[in-house]
Amino acid sequence: MREVATIQTRLTPAQVKDLLGRHAAGEGKHELAKRFGIHPATVNKHLLRQKGRRRGVTNERSERVIGLYVDDGYTMEEVGRELELSQRTVGRILEGAGVPRRPPGRRAPK
């Protein structure tokens, strides 16, 4: 049985610029992946490259996670959606900062 070959799509510099602009305007990663015919992970790689980093969360973003969770009463899932982070990453940031987890559910902001 033959395997079906996957065609690799490489974006031109102009397409990458368009992709970054569309993301900045609010278009989601999955929408961009469909539009450009690439995998969502490839969209993410372009976004991280543009930011000048590949992994990790900046201190400013960690502070934003903590603020949304502690001060604004967001759930971990809501924080993740807001900042395009996984719920697991949000949990790790909170744990690393020594923030105790609340029972499930949203609470009123301070």
C-alpha atoms as a PDB file:
ATOM      1  CA  MET A   1       0.000   0.000   0.000  1.00  0.00           C
ATOM      2  CA  ARG A   2       1.372   3.409  -0.967  1.00  0.00           C
ATOM      3  CA  GLU A   3       1.453   6.299   1.444  1.00  0.00           C
ATOM      4  CA  VAL A   4      -0.006   9.595   0.340  1.00  0.00           C
ATOM      5  CA  ALA A   5       2.696  12.247   0.248  1.00  0.00           C
ATOM      6  CA  THR A   6       2.081  15.473   2.115  1.00  0.00           C
ATOM      7  CA  ILE A   7       2.780  18.566   0.090  1.00  0.00           C
ATOM      8  CA  GLN A   8       4.790  21.089   2.035  1.00  0.00           C
ATOM      9  CA  THR A   9       3.563  24.647   1.674  1.00  0.00           C
ATOM     10  CA  ARG A  10       6.165  27.350   2.152  1.00  0.00           C
ATOM     11  CA  LEU A  11       4.984  30.891   2.578  1.00  0.00           C
ATOM     12  CA  THR A  12       6.658  33.747   0.759  1.00  0.00           C
ATOM     13  CA  PRO A  13       7.855  36.717   2.846  1.00  0.00           C
ATOM     14  CA  ALA A  14       4.826  38.668   1.582  1.00  0.00           C
ATOM     15  CA  GLN A  15       2.481  35.882   2.726  1.00  0.00           C
ATOM     16  CA  VAL A  16       4.135  35.764   6.161  1.00  0.00           C
ATOM     17  CA  LYS A  17       3.682  39.522   6.466  1.00  0.00           C
ATOM     18  CA  ASP A  18       0.019  39.130   5.472  1.00  0.00           C
ATOM     19  CA  LEU A  19      -0.424  36.306   8.001  1.00  0.00           C
ATOM     20  CA  LEU A  20       1.089  38.405  10.799  1.00  0.00           C
ATOM     21  CA  GLY A  21      -1.068  41.388   9.894  1.00  0.00           C
ATOM     22  CA  ARG A  22      -4.238  39.318   9.842  1.00  0.00           C
ATOM     23  CA  HIS A  23      -3.371  37.797  13.239  1.00  0.00           C
ATOM     24  CA  ALA A  24      -2.719  41.255  14.693  1.00  0.00           C
ATOM     25  CA  ALA A  25      -6.155  42.290  13.378  1.00  0.00           C
ATOM     26  CA  GLY A  26      -7.740  39.443  15.334  1.00  0.00           C
ATOM     27  CA  GLU A  27      -7.926  36.512  12.937  1.00  0.00           C
ATOM     28  CA  GLY A  28      -7.452  33.196  14.765  1.00  0.00           C
ATOM     29  CA  LYS A  29      -4.671  30.684  14.201  1.00  0.00           C
ATOM     30  CA  HIS A  30      -6.974  28.004  12.785  1.00  0.00           C
ATOM     31  CA  GLU A  31      -8.584  30.483  10.375  1.00  0.00           C
ATOM     32  CA  LEU A  32      -5.142  31.572   9.214  1.00  0.00           C
ATOM     33  CA  ALA A  33      -4.042  27.965   8.765  1.00  0.00           C
ATOM     34  CA  LYS A  34      -7.014  27.285   6.492  1.00  0.00           C
ATOM     35  CA  ARG A  35      -6.556  30.539   4.582  1.00  0.00           C
ATOM     36  CA  PHE A  36      -2.877  29.866   3.842  1.00  0.00           C
ATOM     37  CA  GLY A  37      -3.134  26.082   3.506  1.00  0.00           C
ATOM     38  CA  ILE A  38      -0.738  25.341   6.352  1.00  0.00           C
ATOM     39  CA  HIS A  39      -0.926  23.541   9.696  1.00  0.00           C
ATOM     40  CA  PRO A  40      -1.909  25.602  12.781  1.00  0.00           C
ATOM     41  CA  ALA A  41       1.462  24.713  14.351  1.00  0.00           C
ATOM     42  CA  THR A  42       3.156  26.385  11.380  1.00  0.00           C
ATOM     43  CA  VAL A  43       1.100  29.524  11.989  1.00  0.00           C
ATOM     44  CA  ASN A  44       2.283  29.456  15.595  1.00  0.00           C
ATOM     45  CA  LYS A  45       5.926  29.099  14.516  1.00  0.00           C
ATOM     46  CA  HIS A  46       5.622  32.189  12.310  1.00  0.00           C
ATOM     47  CA  LEU A  47       4.038  34.155  15.163  1.00  0.00           C
ATOM     48  CA  LEU A  48       6.755  33.116  17.626  1.00  0.00           C
ATOM     49  CA  ARG A  49       9.511  33.887  15.122  1.00  0.00           C
ATOM     50  CA  GLN A  50       8.034  37.340  14.599  1.00  0.00           C
ATOM     51  CA  LYS A  51       8.121  37.906  18.369  1.00  0.00           C
ATOM     52  CA  GLY A  52      11.784  36.923  18.408  1.00  0.00           C
ATOM     53  CA  ARG A  53      11.317  33.899  20.626  1.00  0.00           C
ATOM     54  CA  ARG A  54      10.338  30.303  20.279  1.00  0.00           C
ATOM     55  CA  ARG A  55       9.296  29.174  23.745  1.00  0.00           C
ATOM     56  CA  GLY A  56       8.444  30.526  27.115  1.00  0.00           C
ATOM     57  CA  VAL A  57       6.128  33.153  28.452  1.00  0.00           C
ATOM     58  CA  THR A  58       7.341  36.675  29.127  1.00  0.00           C
ATOM     59  CA  ASN A  59       7.206  38.164  32.622  1.00  0.00           C
ATOM     60  CA  GLU A  60       4.628  40.684  31.424  1.00  0.00           C
ATOM     61  CA  ARG A  61       2.404  37.905  30.130  1.00  0.00           C
ATOM     62  CA  SER A  62       2.802  35.943  33.374  1.00  0.00           C
ATOM     63  CA  GLU A  63       1.752  39.042  35.310  1.00  0.00           C
ATOM     64  CA  ARG A  64      -1.288  39.363  33.027  1.00  0.00           C
ATOM     65  CA  VAL A  65      -2.207  35.708  33.717  1.00  0.00           C
ATOM     66  CA  ILE A  66      -2.008  36.307  37.460  1.00  0.00           C
ATOM     67  CA  GLY A  67      -3.982  39.547  37.208  1.00  0.00           C
ATOM     68  CA  LEU A  68      -6.812  38.001  35.218  1.00  0.00           C
ATOM     69  CA  TYR A  69      -7.035  35.024  37.564  1.00  0.00           C
ATOM     70  CA  VAL A  70      -6.581  36.744  40.933  1.00  0.00           C
ATOM     71  CA  ASP A  71      -7.880  40.280  40.399  1.00  0.00           C
ATOM     72  CA  ASP A  72     -10.501  39.798  37.676  1.00  0.00           C
ATOM     73  CA  GLY A  73     -11.830  36.411  38.775  1.00  0.00           C
ATOM     74  CA  TYR A  74     -11.302  34.631  35.436  1.00  0.00           C
ATOM     75  CA  THR A  75     -11.194  30.842  35.409  1.00  0.00           C
ATOM     76  CA  MET A  76      -7.993  29.209  34.169  1.00  0.00           C
ATOM     77  CA  GLU A  77      -9.817  28.277  30.954  1.00  0.00           C
ATOM     78  CA  GLU A  78     -10.929  31.893  30.406  1.00  0.00           C
ATOM     79  CA  VAL A  79      -7.399  33.184  31.040  1.00  0.00           C
ATOM     80  CA  GLY A  80      -6.076  30.690  28.503  1.00  0.00           C
ATOM     81  CA  ARG A  81      -8.612  31.734  25.882  1.00  0.00           C
ATOM     82  CA  GLU A  82      -7.955  35.424  26.483  1.00  0.00           C
ATOM     83  CA  LEU A  83      -4.173  35.104  26.183  1.00  0.00           C
ATOM     84  CA  GLU A  84      -4.016  32.177  23.717  1.00  0.00           C
ATOM     85  CA  LEU A  85      -2.385  29.870  26.250  1.00  0.00           C
ATOM     86  CA  SER A  86      -3.321  26.334  27.206  1.00  0.00           C
ATOM     87  CA  GLN A  87      -5.068  25.808  30.518  1.00  0.00           C
ATOM     88  CA  ARG A  88      -2.068  23.704  31.511  1.00  0.00           C
ATOM     89  CA  THR A  89       0.329  26.609  30.846  1.00  0.00           C
ATOM     90  CA  VAL A  90      -1.895  28.939  32.867  1.00  0.00           C
ATOM     91  CA  GLY A  91      -1.814  26.446  35.746  1.00  0.00           C
ATOM     92  CA  ARG A  92       1.972  26.208  35.597  1.00  0.00           C
ATOM     93  CA  ILE A  93       2.343  29.992  35.660  1.00  0.00           C
ATOM     94  CA  LEU A  94       0.018  30.277  38.665  1.00  0.00           C
ATOM     95  CA  GLU A  95       1.759  27.415  40.468  1.00  0.00           C
ATOM     96  CA  GLY A  96       5.182  28.929  39.805  1.00  0.00           C
ATOM     97  CA  ALA A  97       4.004  32.224  41.269  1.00  0.00           C
ATOM     98  CA  GLY A  98       2.611  30.501  44.360  1.00  0.00           C
ATOM     99  CA  VAL A  99      -0.990  31.432  43.553  1.00  0.00           C
ATOM    100  CA  PRO A 100      -3.399  28.948  45.180  1.00  0.00           C
ATOM    101  CA  ARG A 101      -6.036  27.451  42.911  1.00  0.00           C
ATOM    102  CA  ARG A 102      -9.670  28.273  43.539  1.00  0.00           C
ATOM    103  CA  PRO A 103     -12.546  25.832  43.373  1.00  0.00           C
ATOM    104  CA  PRO A 104     -13.975  25.572  39.817  1.00  0.00           C
ATOM    105  CA  GLY A 105     -16.091  28.449  38.576  1.00  0.00           C
ATOM    106  CA  ARG A 106     -15.782  32.167  38.083  1.00  0.00           C
ATOM    107  CA  ARG A 107     -15.852  34.520  41.001  1.00  0.00           C
ATOM    108  CA  ALA A 108     -16.576  38.232  41.206  1.00  0.00           C
ATOM    109  CA  PRO A 109     -13.553  40.498  40.594  1.00  0.00           C
ATOM    110  CA  LYS A 110     -12.036  42.357  43.536  1.00  0.00           C
END
